[in-house]
Protein backbone atom coordinates (compact mmCIF):
# COMPACT_ATOMS: atom_id res chain seq x y z
CA ALA A 1 89.25 151.62 88.93
CA GLU A 2 91.11 151.95 85.61
CA ARG A 3 93.69 154.24 87.18
CA GLN A 4 94.27 151.76 90.03
CA GLN A 5 94.75 148.95 87.54
CA LEU A 6 97.20 151.08 85.56
CA LEU A 7 99.11 151.96 88.73
CA MET A 8 99.33 148.26 89.56
CA VAL A 9 100.63 147.40 86.07
CA VAL A 10 103.26 150.16 86.24
CA GLY A 11 104.26 149.02 89.73
CA ASN A 12 104.71 145.44 88.53
CA GLU A 13 106.76 146.61 85.55
CA PHE A 14 108.88 148.71 87.90
CA GLN A 15 109.62 145.65 90.07
CA ARG A 16 110.46 143.55 87.00
CA LEU A 17 112.88 146.19 85.73
CA GLU A 18 114.53 146.55 89.13
CA ALA A 19 115.17 142.77 89.13
CA GLU A 20 116.56 142.87 85.57
CA ARG A 21 118.74 145.85 86.50
CA GLU A 22 120.22 143.80 89.34
CA VAL A 23 121.07 141.01 86.87
CA ALA A 24 122.76 143.58 84.62
CA GLU A 25 124.98 144.55 87.57
CA ALA A 26 126.79 141.20 87.29
CA PRO A 27 130.08 141.38 85.43
CA ALA A 28 129.98 140.48 81.74
CA ASP A 29 131.24 137.07 80.61
CA HIS A 30 134.03 138.74 78.67
CA GLU A 31 135.65 142.16 78.81
CA LEU A 32 134.52 142.89 75.25
CA LEU A 33 130.91 142.63 76.44
CA GLU A 34 131.35 145.05 79.34
CA PRO A 35 130.68 148.26 77.34
CA LEU A 36 127.37 146.77 76.17
CA ARG A 37 126.55 145.75 79.74
CA GLU A 38 127.26 149.30 80.93
CA GLU A 39 124.96 150.72 78.25
CA MET A 40 122.28 148.22 79.31
CA ARG A 41 122.58 149.42 82.91
CA ARG A 42 122.11 153.02 81.72
CA GLY A 43 119.14 151.91 79.64
CA PHE A 44 117.52 150.26 82.65
CA ASP A 45 118.11 153.41 84.69
CA GLU A 46 116.43 155.52 81.99
CA TYR A 47 113.47 153.14 81.76
CA ILE A 48 113.10 153.05 85.55
CA GLN A 49 113.17 156.87 85.60
CA ALA A 50 110.41 156.94 82.98
CA LEU A 51 108.31 154.57 85.09
CA GLN A 52 108.83 156.78 88.14
CA TRP A 53 107.62 159.78 86.13
CA LEU A 54 104.69 157.72 84.86
CA LEU A 55 103.67 156.78 88.40
CA GLU A 56 103.96 160.41 89.49
CA ALA A 57 101.96 161.59 86.47
CA LEU A 58 99.20 159.08 87.18
CA GLN A 59 99.08 160.03 90.85
CA THR A 60 99.03 163.79 90.20
CA ASP A 61 97.01 163.70 86.97
CA ASP A 62 99.72 165.76 85.21
CA PRO A 63 99.31 165.39 81.41
CA ALA A 64 102.65 167.07 80.57
CA LEU A 65 104.55 164.74 82.88
CA LEU A 66 102.60 161.78 81.49
CA GLU A 67 103.61 162.69 77.93
CA GLN A 68 107.25 163.14 78.98
CA ALA A 69 107.23 159.78 80.78
CA LEU A 70 105.71 157.95 77.82
CA GLU A 71 108.19 159.44 75.33
CA HIS A 72 111.14 158.75 77.60
CA GLY A 73 109.90 155.23 78.31
CA GLU A 74 109.42 154.37 74.64
CA GLY A 75 112.93 155.58 73.83
CA ALA A 76 114.46 153.66 76.74
CA GLU A 77 112.53 150.49 75.86
CA THR A 78 113.70 150.64 72.24
CA ARG A 79 117.28 151.25 73.35
CA LEU A 80 117.16 148.29 75.75
CA ARG A 81 115.75 146.02 73.05
CA LEU A 82 118.52 147.00 70.63
CA LEU A 83 121.23 146.62 73.28
CA ASP A 84 119.88 143.22 74.30
CA ALA A 85 120.00 142.05 70.67
CA ALA A 86 123.53 143.44 70.22
CA TYR A 87 124.68 141.75 73.42
CA ALA A 88 123.23 138.39 72.32
CA GLU A 89 124.76 138.68 68.84
CA THR A 90 128.15 139.63 70.27
CA GLN A 91 128.02 136.70 72.69
CA GLU A 92 127.09 134.32 69.84
CA GLY A 93 129.93 135.68 67.69
CA MET A 94 132.43 135.25 70.50
CA THR A 95 131.26 131.68 71.10
CA ALA A 96 131.53 130.86 67.39
CA PHE A 97 135.01 132.40 67.27
CA ARG A 98 136.12 130.44 70.36
CA GLU A 99 134.76 127.18 68.90
CA ALA A 100 136.43 127.81 65.54
CA LYS A 101 139.70 128.63 67.27
CA GLU A 102 139.52 125.45 69.37
CA ALA A 103 138.73 123.37 66.27
CA ALA A 104 141.72 124.83 64.42
CA VAL A 105 144.24 124.15 67.20
CA PRO A 106 145.58 120.59 67.19
CA PRO A 107 145.26 118.88 70.58
CA GLN A 108 148.36 118.97 72.77
CA GLU A 109 149.84 115.60 73.69
């Protein structure tokens, strides 16, 4: 029963990540953000791979594969969190720069 519940949780997480990965496929708002977006896509791919290994490990009862999946998943999750924060900060900085630039330019008549 516990294994079934765990499989269901991992399956739901897998679906959530697939949906977020699709969102990451959209082009970035600005070309400066594109390298971060590309890294985020790679991060999602790594996390999805870890979930696939986790599902396989749970289905086959393979402790070595389970350990590998957990380590890989933790690393990918941390990387995604850091990339998400960097993306948000870069976007905020670009918005602040744009607003400051617009405020400094006198309106054209």
